[in-house]
Amino acid sequence: MLKLNNLSCSFDSFNTNFNIEIAHTGIIGVVGRSGSGKSTLLNLIAGFIKPQSGEIFYQNSFLNDLEPSQRDLSILFQNYNNFDHLNVFENVILGIDPQMKKTPSNYKITRDILKKLSLDIDIDTPVNLLSGGEQQRVSIARCLIRNKSMLLLDEPFNSLDPGLRRGLYEDVLMMTKKTPNLLTLISSHLIDELRKITNAFIFLHQGKIIGNKILSFKELSTNKFFNEYLK
């Protein structure tokens, strides 16, 4: 279970206060206008932003005092966060082996995780020679190889064209089916695309989670703030 209890922080005139309990796994869309707090929410959970007050619990562990590397999660931002001077193998295995040792075991682990994402490429290829979609799959592979139980995707595909986004959303859905104990929070303003992979949403408005719970799209559609968001 992920529990946020009065989780608050402030930036200039923008204030947040997040309250929610998420008791199940699978994909949950995090939606809201630009500036509603989507990235702030994910960065608070990941530990890159320290809350001024409130508590974060995940699987009965108190996360507030843990560094990002100590939390049972991986996060992927909109930019690929790959290292252009490294090849595919090195970018992926870096998730679990900072020395990037070229051992048979590491090569097998890398090939297996790329296969899970339907990425059929030479792992010795420099990552900067890949297409945008391939680069983002490499980034996802580096997250998954860490074998954490929560994956945070912060508008990871918005800079790609619709065709590439569609394939990557399908990858996320397939990945979730193959990893049933994985909780995935994916933020985006592309609600129609998220609807193709989930009917569970957290809707943010002015730094708060509307209803303090997960909503179906049907429930979302009756909310006045959401209808304003769609305009």
C-alpha atoms as a PDB file:
ATOM      1  CA  MET A   1       0.000   0.000   0.000  1.00  0.00           C
ATOM      2  CA  LEU A   2       1.108   3.530  -0.811  1.00  0.00           C
ATOM      3  CA  LYS A   3      -0.209   6.104   1.658  1.00  0.00           C
ATOM      4  CA  LEU A   4       0.249   9.863   1.525  1.00  0.00           C
ATOM      5  CA  ASN A   5      -0.889  11.646   4.657  1.00  0.00           C
ATOM      6  CA  ASN A   6      -1.134  15.461   4.446  1.00  0.00           C
ATOM      7  CA  LEU A   7       1.979  15.546   2.281  1.00  0.00           C
ATOM      8  CA  SER A   8       2.748  19.219   1.776  1.00  0.00           C
ATOM      9  CA  CYS A   9       5.341  21.472   0.181  1.00  0.00           C
ATOM     10  CA  SER A  10       5.354  25.029  -1.159  1.00  0.00           C
ATOM     11  CA  PHE A  11       7.022  26.764  -4.095  1.00  0.00           C
ATOM     12  CA  ASP A  12       6.505  30.511  -4.162  1.00  0.00           C
ATOM     13  CA  SER A  13       2.700  30.843  -4.359  1.00  0.00           C
ATOM     14  CA  PHE A  14       2.068  27.164  -5.197  1.00  0.00           C
ATOM     15  CA  ASN A  15       1.099  24.912  -2.278  1.00  0.00           C
ATOM     16  CA  THR A  16       0.413  21.183  -2.286  1.00  0.00           C
ATOM     17  CA  ASN A  17      -1.403  18.907   0.104  1.00  0.00           C
ATOM     18  CA  PHE A  18      -1.679  15.303  -1.015  1.00  0.00           C
ATOM     19  CA  ASN A  19      -3.815  12.666   0.702  1.00  0.00           C
ATOM     20  CA  ILE A  20      -4.486   9.223  -0.735  1.00  0.00           C
ATOM     21  CA  GLU A  21      -4.249   5.482  -0.080  1.00  0.00           C
ATOM     22  CA  ILE A  22      -3.460   3.143  -2.972  1.00  0.00           C
ATOM     23  CA  ALA A  23      -3.966  -0.450  -1.964  1.00  0.00           C
ATOM     24  CA  HIS A  24      -3.604  -2.242  -5.295  1.00  0.00           C
ATOM     25  CA  THR A  25      -1.016  -2.678  -8.042  1.00  0.00           C
ATOM     26  CA  GLY A  26      -1.279  -2.055 -11.767  1.00  0.00           C
ATOM     27  CA  ILE A  27      -1.306   1.177 -13.770  1.00  0.00           C
ATOM     28  CA  ILE A  28      -2.676   4.404 -12.330  1.00  0.00           C
ATOM     29  CA  GLY A  29      -2.840   7.519 -14.473  1.00  0.00           C
ATOM     30  CA  VAL A  30      -1.905  10.819 -12.825  1.00  0.00           C
ATOM     31  CA  VAL A  31      -3.678  13.597 -14.714  1.00  0.00           C
ATOM     32  CA  GLY A  32      -4.285  17.317 -14.390  1.00  0.00           C
ATOM     33  CA  ARG A  33      -3.487  20.634 -15.993  1.00  0.00           C
ATOM     34  CA  SER A  34       0.089  21.776 -16.438  1.00  0.00           C
ATOM     35  CA  GLY A  35       1.124  23.174 -13.061  1.00  0.00           C
ATOM     36  CA  SER A  36      -1.405  21.122 -11.095  1.00  0.00           C
ATOM     37  CA  GLY A  37       1.339  19.264  -9.220  1.00  0.00           C
ATOM     38  CA  LYS A  38       1.822  16.009 -11.163  1.00  0.00           C
ATOM     39  CA  SER A  39       5.626  16.150 -11.257  1.00  0.00           C
ATOM     40  CA  THR A  40       5.751  17.459  -7.696  1.00  0.00           C
ATOM     41  CA  LEU A  41       3.702  14.491  -6.492  1.00  0.00           C
ATOM     42  CA  LEU A  42       5.968  11.932  -8.170  1.00  0.00           C
ATOM     43  CA  ASN A  43       9.136  13.691  -7.004  1.00  0.00           C
ATOM     44  CA  LEU A  44       7.850  13.736  -3.423  1.00  0.00           C
ATOM     45  CA  ILE A  45       7.186   9.996  -3.572  1.00  0.00           C
ATOM     46  CA  ALA A  46      10.606   9.374  -5.132  1.00  0.00           C
ATOM     47  CA  GLY A  47      12.386  11.527  -2.563  1.00  0.00           C
ATOM     48  CA  PHE A  48      13.813  14.172  -4.905  1.00  0.00           C
ATOM     49  CA  ILE A  49      11.659  16.788  -3.183  1.00  0.00           C
ATOM     50  CA  LYS A  50      11.517  16.843   0.611  1.00  0.00           C
ATOM     51  CA  PRO A  51       8.050  17.532   2.071  1.00  0.00           C
ATOM     52  CA  GLN A  52       7.664  20.365   4.535  1.00  0.00           C
ATOM     53  CA  SER A  53       5.107  18.288   6.409  1.00  0.00           C
ATOM     54  CA  GLY A  54       3.196  15.055   6.101  1.00  0.00           C
ATOM     55  CA  GLU A  55       4.092  11.400   5.738  1.00  0.00           C
ATOM     56  CA  ILE A  56       4.756   8.854   3.006  1.00  0.00           C
ATOM     57  CA  PHE A  57       4.294   5.160   3.730  1.00  0.00           C
ATOM     58  CA  TYR A  58       4.902   2.361   1.250  1.00  0.00           C
ATOM     59  CA  GLN A  59       4.504  -1.304   2.097  1.00  0.00           C
ATOM     60  CA  ASN A  60       4.554  -0.445   5.805  1.00  0.00           C
ATOM     61  CA  SER A  61       7.825   1.487   5.476  1.00  0.00           C
ATOM     62  CA  PHE A  62       8.135   5.174   6.390  1.00  0.00           C
ATOM     63  CA  LEU A  63       9.802   6.803   3.378  1.00  0.00           C
ATOM     64  CA  ASN A  64      10.346  10.390   4.520  1.00  0.00           C
ATOM     65  CA  ASP A  65      13.783   9.712   5.988  1.00  0.00           C
ATOM     66  CA  LEU A  66      14.995   7.503   3.130  1.00  0.00           C
ATOM     67  CA  GLU A  67      17.156   8.778   0.277  1.00  0.00           C
ATOM     68  CA  PRO A  68      15.823   8.179  -3.277  1.00  0.00           C
ATOM     69  CA  SER A  69      18.242   5.276  -3.784  1.00  0.00           C
ATOM     70  CA  GLN A  70      16.930   3.578  -0.638  1.00  0.00           C
ATOM     71  CA  ARG A  71      13.287   3.581  -1.741  1.00  0.00           C
ATOM     72  CA  ASP A  72      11.696   0.554  -3.387  1.00  0.00           C
ATOM     73  CA  LEU A  73      10.973   2.399  -6.627  1.00  0.00           C
ATOM     74  CA  SER A  74      12.352   3.644  -9.918  1.00  0.00           C
ATOM     75  CA  ILE A  75      11.433   6.891 -11.670  1.00  0.00           C
ATOM     76  CA  LEU A  76      11.664   7.938 -15.304  1.00  0.00           C
ATOM     77  CA  PHE A  77      11.351  11.536 -16.421  1.00  0.00           C
ATOM     78  CA  GLN A  78      10.274  12.981 -19.763  1.00  0.00           C
ATOM     79  CA  ASN A  79      13.866  13.305 -20.930  1.00  0.00           C
ATOM     80  CA  TYR A  80      15.437   9.932 -21.573  1.00  0.00           C
ATOM     81  CA  ASN A  81      18.203  10.296 -18.966  1.00  0.00           C
ATOM     82  CA  ASN A  82      20.427   8.028 -21.029  1.00  0.00           C
ATOM     83  CA  PHE A  83      24.177   8.560 -21.305  1.00  0.00           C
ATOM     84  CA  ASP A  84      24.944   9.293 -24.949  1.00  0.00           C
ATOM     85  CA  HIS A  85      28.581   8.191 -24.685  1.00  0.00           C
ATOM     86  CA  LEU A  86      27.505   4.708 -23.533  1.00  0.00           C
ATOM     87  CA  ASN A  87      25.989   1.872 -25.557  1.00  0.00           C
ATOM     88  CA  VAL A  88      22.660   0.128 -24.937  1.00  0.00           C
ATOM     89  CA  PHE A  89      24.129  -2.561 -22.683  1.00  0.00           C
ATOM     90  CA  GLU A  90      25.974  -0.015 -20.533  1.00  0.00           C
ATOM     91  CA  ASN A  91      22.942   2.258 -20.181  1.00  0.00           C
ATOM     92  CA  VAL A  92      20.726  -0.628 -19.080  1.00  0.00           C
ATOM     93  CA  ILE A  93      23.083  -2.537 -16.771  1.00  0.00           C
ATOM     94  CA  LEU A  94      24.007   0.737 -15.068  1.00  0.00           C
ATOM     95  CA  GLY A  95      20.719   0.349 -13.178  1.00  0.00           C
ATOM     96  CA  ILE A  96      22.189  -2.487 -11.093  1.00  0.00           C
ATOM     97  CA  ASP A  97      25.933  -2.433 -11.749  1.00  0.00           C
ATOM     98  CA  PRO A  98      27.678   0.986 -11.631  1.00  0.00           C
ATOM     99  CA  GLN A  99      30.870  -0.647 -12.963  1.00  0.00           C
ATOM    100  CA  MET A 100      28.961  -1.962 -16.017  1.00  0.00           C
ATOM    101  CA  LYS A 101      30.906  -5.223 -15.957  1.00  0.00           C
ATOM    102  CA  LYS A 102      30.691  -7.144 -19.234  1.00  0.00           C
ATOM    103  CA  THR A 103      29.965 -10.526 -17.695  1.00  0.00           C
ATOM    104  CA  PRO A 104      27.831 -13.289 -19.260  1.00  0.00           C
ATOM    105  CA  SER A 105      25.335 -12.810 -16.428  1.00  0.00           C
ATOM    106  CA  ASN A 106      25.001  -9.063 -17.057  1.00  0.00           C
ATOM    107  CA  TYR A 107      24.611  -9.605 -20.790  1.00  0.00           C
ATOM    108  CA  LYS A 108      21.860 -12.157 -20.199  1.00  0.00           C
ATOM    109  CA  ILE A 109      20.024  -9.884 -17.748  1.00  0.00           C
ATOM    110  CA  THR A 110      20.189  -7.024 -20.258  1.00  0.00           C
ATOM    111  CA  ARG A 111      18.971  -9.101 -23.194  1.00  0.00           C
ATOM    112  CA  ASP A 112      16.121 -10.541 -21.107  1.00  0.00           C
ATOM    113  CA  ILE A 113      14.831  -7.131 -20.012  1.00  0.00           C
ATOM    114  CA  LEU A 114      15.069  -5.736 -23.564  1.00  0.00           C
ATOM    115  CA  LYS A 115      13.128  -8.743 -24.825  1.00  0.00           C
ATOM    116  CA  LYS A 116      10.455  -7.993 -22.237  1.00  0.00           C
ATOM    117  CA  LEU A 117      10.063  -4.585 -23.899  1.00  0.00           C
ATOM    118  CA  SER A 118      10.109  -6.026 -27.445  1.00  0.00           C
ATOM    119  CA  LEU A 119      13.348  -4.170 -28.166  1.00  0.00           C
ATOM    120  CA  ASP A 120      15.313  -6.184 -30.726  1.00  0.00           C
ATOM    121  CA  ILE A 121      18.549  -4.248 -31.157  1.00  0.00           C
ATOM    122  CA  ASP A 122      22.279  -4.875 -30.902  1.00  0.00           C
ATOM    123  CA  ILE A 123      23.129  -4.103 -27.269  1.00  0.00           C
ATOM    124  CA  ASP A 124      26.537  -2.756 -28.331  1.00  0.00           C
ATOM    125  CA  THR A 125      24.863   0.063 -30.309  1.00  0.00           C
ATOM    126  CA  PRO A 126      25.649   3.591 -29.010  1.00  0.00           C
ATOM    127  CA  VAL A 127      22.419   4.841 -27.479  1.00  0.00           C
ATOM    128  CA  ASN A 128      22.596   8.171 -29.332  1.00  0.00           C
ATOM    129  CA  LEU A 129      22.127   6.302 -32.627  1.00  0.00           C
ATOM    130  CA  LEU A 130      18.725   4.977 -31.578  1.00  0.00           C
ATOM    131  CA  SER A 131      15.334   6.438 -32.434  1.00  0.00           C
ATOM    132  CA  GLY A 132      13.411   8.369 -29.787  1.00  0.00           C
ATOM    133  CA  GLY A 133      11.164   5.405 -29.051  1.00  0.00           C
ATOM    134  CA  GLU A 134      14.107   3.025 -28.752  1.00  0.00           C
ATOM    135  CA  GLN A 135      15.925   5.399 -26.423  1.00  0.00           C
ATOM    136  CA  GLN A 136      12.897   5.627 -24.155  1.00  0.00           C
ATOM    137  CA  ARG A 137      12.612   1.832 -24.085  1.00  0.00           C
ATOM    138  CA  VAL A 138      16.246   1.671 -22.989  1.00  0.00           C
ATOM    139  CA  SER A 139      15.428   4.101 -20.178  1.00  0.00           C
ATOM    140  CA  ILE A 140      12.461   1.965 -19.116  1.00  0.00           C
ATOM    141  CA  ALA A 141      14.652  -1.144 -19.234  1.00  0.00           C
ATOM    142  CA  ARG A 142      17.146   0.500 -16.859  1.00  0.00           C
ATOM    143  CA  CYS A 143      14.255   1.179 -14.448  1.00  0.00           C
ATOM    144  CA  LEU A 144      12.854  -2.350 -14.672  1.00  0.00           C
ATOM    145  CA  ILE A 145      16.198  -4.080 -14.272  1.00  0.00           C
ATOM    146  CA  ARG A 146      16.379  -2.688 -10.745  1.00  0.00           C
ATOM    147  CA  ASN A 147      13.405  -4.950  -9.889  1.00  0.00           C
ATOM    148  CA  LYS A 148      11.638  -2.404  -7.703  1.00  0.00           C
ATOM    149  CA  SER A 149       7.960  -2.766  -6.812  1.00  0.00           C
ATOM    150  CA  MET A 150       6.923   0.772  -7.831  1.00  0.00           C
ATOM    151  CA  LEU A 151       7.585   2.549 -11.125  1.00  0.00           C
ATOM    152  CA  LEU A 152       7.003   6.294 -11.514  1.00  0.00           C
ATOM    153  CA  LEU A 153       6.760   7.619 -15.076  1.00  0.00           C
ATOM    154  CA  ASP A 154       6.670  11.416 -15.249  1.00  0.00           C
ATOM    155  CA  GLU A 155       5.199  12.352 -18.658  1.00  0.00           C
ATOM    156  CA  PRO A 156       7.712   9.951 -20.217  1.00  0.00           C
ATOM    157  CA  PHE A 157       6.393   9.891 -23.789  1.00  0.00           C
ATOM    158  CA  ASN A 158       4.922  13.340 -24.362  1.00  0.00           C
ATOM    159  CA  SER A 159       7.812  14.545 -26.532  1.00  0.00           C
ATOM    160  CA  LEU A 160       7.385  11.640 -28.975  1.00  0.00           C
ATOM    161  CA  ASP A 161       5.058  11.434 -31.942  1.00  0.00           C
ATOM    162  CA  PRO A 162       1.655   9.687 -31.525  1.00  0.00           C
ATOM    163  CA  GLY A 163       2.752   6.465 -33.211  1.00  0.00           C
ATOM    164  CA  LEU A 164       5.754   6.002 -30.929  1.00  0.00           C
ATOM    165  CA  ARG A 165       3.685   6.913 -27.873  1.00  0.00           C
ATOM    166  CA  ARG A 166       1.090   4.293 -28.773  1.00  0.00           C
ATOM    167  CA  GLY A 167       3.741   1.581 -28.952  1.00  0.00           C
ATOM    168  CA  LEU A 168       5.309   2.621 -25.669  1.00  0.00           C
ATOM    169  CA  TYR A 169       1.956   2.697 -23.872  1.00  0.00           C
ATOM    170  CA  GLU A 170       1.374  -0.840 -25.150  1.00  0.00           C
ATOM    171  CA  ASP A 171       4.799  -1.790 -23.766  1.00  0.00           C
ATOM    172  CA  VAL A 172       3.856  -0.396 -20.350  1.00  0.00           C
ATOM    173  CA  LEU A 173       0.603  -2.376 -20.395  1.00  0.00           C
ATOM    174  CA  MET A 174       2.371  -5.593 -21.430  1.00  0.00           C
ATOM    175  CA  MET A 175       5.079  -5.002 -18.826  1.00  0.00           C
ATOM    176  CA  THR A 176       2.448  -4.608 -16.109  1.00  0.00           C
ATOM    177  CA  LYS A 177       0.749  -7.852 -17.104  1.00  0.00           C
ATOM    178  CA  LYS A 178       4.089  -9.648 -16.892  1.00  0.00           C
ATOM    179  CA  THR A 179       4.868  -8.037 -13.521  1.00  0.00           C
ATOM    180  CA  PRO A 180       1.595  -8.286 -11.560  1.00  0.00           C
ATOM    181  CA  ASN A 181       3.070  -6.980  -8.288  1.00  0.00           C
ATOM    182  CA  LEU A 182       4.278  -3.736  -9.875  1.00  0.00           C
ATOM    183  CA  LEU A 183       2.577  -0.432  -9.024  1.00  0.00           C
ATOM    184  CA  THR A 184       2.984   2.033 -11.893  1.00  0.00           C
ATOM    185  CA  LEU A 185       2.070   5.707 -11.627  1.00  0.00           C
ATOM    186  CA  ILE A 186       2.221   7.441 -15.002  1.00  0.00           C
ATOM    187  CA  SER A 187       1.573  11.163 -15.338  1.00  0.00           C
ATOM    188  CA  SER A 188       0.381  12.762 -18.544  1.00  0.00           C
ATOM    189  CA  HIS A 189      -1.983  15.391 -19.887  1.00  0.00           C
ATOM    190  CA  LEU A 190      -2.897  12.986 -22.715  1.00  0.00           C
ATOM    191  CA  ILE A 191      -5.945  11.501 -21.017  1.00  0.00           C
ATOM    192  CA  ASP A 192      -7.297   9.746 -24.131  1.00  0.00           C
ATOM    193  CA  GLU A 193      -4.052   7.809 -24.506  1.00  0.00           C
ATOM    194  CA  LEU A 194      -3.935   6.843 -20.833  1.00  0.00           C
ATOM    195  CA  ARG A 195      -7.510   5.537 -21.079  1.00  0.00           C
ATOM    196  CA  LYS A 196      -6.259   2.828 -23.430  1.00  0.00           C
ATOM    197  CA  ILE A 197      -4.100   1.282 -20.725  1.00  0.00           C
ATOM    198  CA  THR A 198      -5.990   2.035 -17.490  1.00  0.00           C
ATOM    199  CA  ASN A 199      -9.317   3.061 -15.995  1.00  0.00           C
ATOM    200  CA  ALA A 200      -7.760   4.130 -12.699  1.00  0.00           C
ATOM    201  CA  PHE A 201      -6.829   7.785 -12.290  1.00  0.00           C
ATOM    202  CA  ILE A 202      -5.597  10.294  -9.758  1.00  0.00           C
ATOM    203  CA  PHE A 203      -6.802  13.747 -10.776  1.00  0.00           C
ATOM    204  CA  LEU A 204      -4.844  16.744  -9.501  1.00  0.00           C
ATOM    205  CA  HIS A 205      -6.180  20.272  -9.279  1.00  0.00           C
ATOM    206  CA  GLN A 206      -4.203  23.148  -7.771  1.00  0.00           C
ATOM    207  CA  GLY A 207      -1.901  20.919  -5.751  1.00  0.00           C
ATOM    208  CA  LYS A 208      -4.539  18.549  -4.369  1.00  0.00           C
ATOM    209  CA  ILE A 209      -5.860  15.110  -5.288  1.00  0.00           C
ATOM    210  CA  ILE A 210      -9.550  15.455  -6.094  1.00  0.00           C
ATOM    211  CA  GLY A 211     -11.571  13.143  -3.874  1.00  0.00           C
ATOM    212  CA  ASN A 212      -8.385  11.856  -2.179  1.00  0.00           C
ATOM    213  CA  LYS A 213      -8.842   8.562  -4.008  1.00  0.00           C
ATOM    214  CA  ILE A 214      -8.445   6.690  -7.278  1.00  0.00           C
ATOM    215  CA  LEU A 215     -11.240   7.511  -9.724  1.00  0.00           C
ATOM    216  CA  SER A 216     -12.559   5.719 -12.787  1.00  0.00           C
ATOM    217  CA  PHE A 217     -12.938   7.745 -15.959  1.00  0.00           C
ATOM    218  CA  LYS A 218     -16.710   7.707 -15.428  1.00  0.00           C
ATOM    219  CA  GLU A 219     -16.232   9.234 -11.989  1.00  0.00           C
ATOM    220  CA  LEU A 220     -13.794  11.764 -13.432  1.00  0.00           C
ATOM    221  CA  SER A 221     -16.257  12.843 -16.095  1.00  0.00           C
ATOM    222  CA  THR A 222     -18.711  14.091 -13.462  1.00  0.00           C
ATOM    223  CA  ASN A 223     -16.156  16.379 -11.797  1.00  0.00           C
ATOM    224  CA  LYS A 224     -16.449  20.063 -12.685  1.00  0.00           C
ATOM    225  CA  PHE A 225     -12.705  20.641 -12.462  1.00  0.00           C
ATOM    226  CA  PHE A 226     -12.065  17.745 -14.825  1.00  0.00           C
ATOM    227  CA  ASN A 227     -14.542  19.075 -17.385  1.00  0.00           C
ATOM    228  CA  GLU A 228     -12.741  22.410 -17.266  1.00  0.00           C
ATOM    229  CA  TYR A 229      -9.467  20.520 -17.778  1.00  0.00           C
ATOM    230  CA  LEU A 230     -10.827  18.850 -20.926  1.00  0.00           C
ATOM    231  CA  LYS A 231     -11.769  22.189 -22.553  1.00  0.00           C
END
